[in-house]
């Protein structure tokens, strides 16, 4: 253990490019954070507001990478899948434990198109530039 961190914590922090102290740094004022958290709870409670074919993007500062980049909604689950499988009790603090997966998206990642399942509350409508598609062109 070095500086109060075990090797696993150090590797995890290094993989994210931040130290444990930086991860715990609050960049948002409590007043703004409270409003943001209440808005998140409302979106979470309402459920997925998107439909297949919608263009979405990850919200800035949320779990998913690619904020501002277009993603297309491929599928929306009528009944979300809760990720509550637990092989290690210490993982209850992980953001992946308890996720409510309800939407599948596709986007470009590292030069390839990839699809994956996400939590819709972490996404917003994509408002960036869109190329017009012309049938038969």
Protein backbone atom coordinates (compact mmCIF):
# COMPACT_ATOMS: atom_id res chain seq x y z
CA UNK A 1 0.00 0.00 0.00
CA UNK A 2 1.39 3.38 -1.04
CA UNK A 3 -0.13 6.71 0.12
CA UNK A 4 -3.22 4.96 1.45
CA UNK A 5 -4.00 3.31 -1.92
CA UNK A 6 -3.63 -0.37 -2.69
CA UNK A 7 -2.31 -1.53 -6.07
CA UNK A 8 -5.81 -2.11 -7.50
CA UNK A 9 -6.87 1.44 -6.66
CA UNK A 10 -3.67 2.84 -8.13
CA UNK A 11 -4.12 0.92 -11.38
CA UNK A 12 -7.76 1.95 -11.63
CA UNK A 13 -6.87 5.60 -11.04
CA UNK A 14 -4.03 5.44 -13.58
CA UNK A 15 -6.27 3.88 -16.20
CA UNK A 16 -8.59 6.85 -15.90
CA UNK A 17 -5.71 9.33 -15.86
CA UNK A 18 -6.70 10.75 -12.47
CA UNK A 19 -5.70 10.21 -8.87
CA UNK A 20 -8.14 9.17 -6.16
CA UNK A 21 -8.12 12.72 -4.82
CA UNK A 22 -9.06 14.10 -8.22
CA UNK A 23 -11.90 11.57 -8.56
CA UNK A 24 -13.38 12.85 -5.30
CA UNK A 25 -13.05 16.52 -6.27
CA UNK A 26 -16.44 18.20 -6.59
CA UNK A 27 -16.34 20.66 -9.49
CA UNK A 28 -20.00 21.71 -9.19
CA UNK A 29 -21.45 23.98 -6.54
CA UNK A 30 -23.92 22.26 -4.17
CA UNK A 31 -26.77 24.45 -5.46
CA UNK A 32 -26.19 23.50 -9.10
CA UNK A 33 -25.51 19.88 -8.17
CA UNK A 34 -28.82 19.57 -6.29
CA UNK A 35 -30.78 20.85 -9.31
CA UNK A 36 -28.84 18.51 -11.62
CA UNK A 37 -29.41 15.48 -9.39
CA UNK A 38 -33.17 16.16 -9.16
CA UNK A 39 -33.35 16.44 -12.96
CA UNK A 40 -31.46 13.13 -13.28
CA UNK A 41 -33.90 11.42 -10.92
CA UNK A 42 -36.84 12.63 -13.00
CA UNK A 43 -35.31 11.33 -16.25
CA UNK A 44 -34.47 8.01 -14.57
CA UNK A 45 -38.01 7.62 -13.17
CA UNK A 46 -39.70 8.48 -16.50
CA UNK A 47 -37.60 5.95 -18.43
CA UNK A 48 -36.43 6.01 -22.02
CA UNK A 49 -37.88 8.88 -24.04
CA UNK A 50 -36.14 7.87 -27.28
CA UNK A 51 -37.20 5.54 -30.08
CA UNK A 52 -35.27 3.52 -32.68
CA UNK A 53 -33.83 5.83 -35.33
CA UNK A 54 -33.40 8.82 -33.00
CA UNK A 55 -29.97 10.46 -32.96
CA UNK A 56 -28.65 10.87 -29.43
CA UNK A 57 -25.36 11.68 -27.70
CA UNK A 58 -24.00 11.00 -24.22
CA UNK A 59 -24.62 13.87 -21.82
CA UNK A 60 -21.46 15.79 -20.89
CA UNK A 61 -19.91 14.58 -17.65
CA UNK A 62 -21.80 11.29 -17.49
CA UNK A 63 -20.61 7.66 -17.57
CA UNK A 64 -20.38 7.20 -21.34
CA UNK A 65 -17.64 8.53 -23.63
CA UNK A 66 -18.40 10.27 -26.89
CA UNK A 67 -20.31 13.31 -25.70
CA UNK A 68 -21.31 15.46 -28.65
CA UNK A 69 -20.80 12.62 -31.16
CA UNK A 70 -23.87 11.18 -32.90
CA UNK A 71 -25.21 7.79 -31.79
CA UNK A 72 -28.27 6.17 -33.33
CA UNK A 73 -30.86 4.39 -31.18
CA UNK A 74 -31.19 0.80 -32.43
CA UNK A 75 -33.58 -0.61 -29.85
CA UNK A 76 -35.46 0.36 -26.69
CA UNK A 77 -36.44 -2.30 -24.18
CA UNK A 78 -40.04 -2.18 -22.95
CA UNK A 79 -38.80 -3.70 -19.70
CA UNK A 80 -35.31 -2.51 -18.72
CA UNK A 81 -32.70 -5.04 -17.63
CA UNK A 82 -31.36 -4.42 -14.13
CA UNK A 83 -27.75 -5.49 -13.68
CA UNK A 84 -27.88 -6.90 -10.18
CA UNK A 85 -25.70 -9.99 -10.61
CA UNK A 86 -23.01 -9.89 -8.00
CA UNK A 87 -19.97 -12.16 -7.95
CA UNK A 88 -18.11 -9.96 -5.44
CA UNK A 89 -19.91 -8.01 -2.66
CA UNK A 90 -17.32 -5.23 -2.88
CA UNK A 91 -18.63 -4.38 -6.36
CA UNK A 92 -21.87 -2.86 -5.02
CA UNK A 93 -20.04 0.49 -5.10
CA UNK A 94 -19.27 0.08 -8.82
CA UNK A 95 -21.32 2.21 -11.22
CA UNK A 96 -21.99 -0.90 -13.32
CA UNK A 97 -23.78 -2.67 -10.45
CA UNK A 98 -27.48 -1.84 -10.51
CA UNK A 99 -27.47 -0.24 -13.95
CA UNK A 100 -30.87 -0.10 -15.65
CA UNK A 101 -30.07 -0.97 -19.26
CA UNK A 102 -32.90 0.13 -21.54
CA UNK A 103 -31.47 1.33 -24.87
CA UNK A 104 -29.10 -0.01 -27.54
CA UNK A 105 -27.11 2.49 -29.57
CA UNK A 106 -24.52 2.40 -32.34
CA UNK A 107 -21.75 4.90 -32.98
CA UNK A 108 -18.31 5.19 -34.50
CA UNK A 109 -15.55 4.22 -32.09
CA UNK A 110 -11.89 4.07 -33.13
CA UNK A 111 -12.85 4.01 -36.81
CA UNK A 112 -15.43 1.22 -36.59
CA UNK A 113 -19.18 1.21 -36.01
CA UNK A 114 -20.04 -0.50 -32.73
CA UNK A 115 -23.32 -1.20 -30.95
CA UNK A 116 -23.80 -1.44 -27.21
CA UNK A 117 -26.46 -1.31 -24.49
CA UNK A 118 -26.72 1.82 -22.31
CA UNK A 119 -28.80 3.62 -19.73
CA UNK A 120 -30.95 6.12 -21.63
CA UNK A 121 -30.98 8.69 -18.82
CA UNK A 122 -27.30 9.37 -19.60
CA UNK A 123 -28.17 10.51 -23.14
CA UNK A 124 -29.74 13.53 -24.77
CA UNK A 125 -30.97 14.40 -28.25
CA UNK A 126 -28.12 14.93 -30.73
CA UNK A 127 -28.24 18.50 -32.07
CA UNK A 128 -24.99 18.61 -34.08
CA UNK A 129 -24.62 18.69 -37.86
CA UNK A 130 -26.52 16.03 -39.78
CA UNK A 131 -25.85 15.01 -43.38
CA UNK A 132 -29.02 14.84 -45.45
CA UNK A 133 -29.74 11.42 -46.93
CA UNK A 134 -31.20 11.39 -50.43
CA UNK A 135 -32.89 8.16 -51.59
CA UNK A 136 -31.16 6.65 -54.57
CA UNK A 137 -28.11 8.87 -54.26
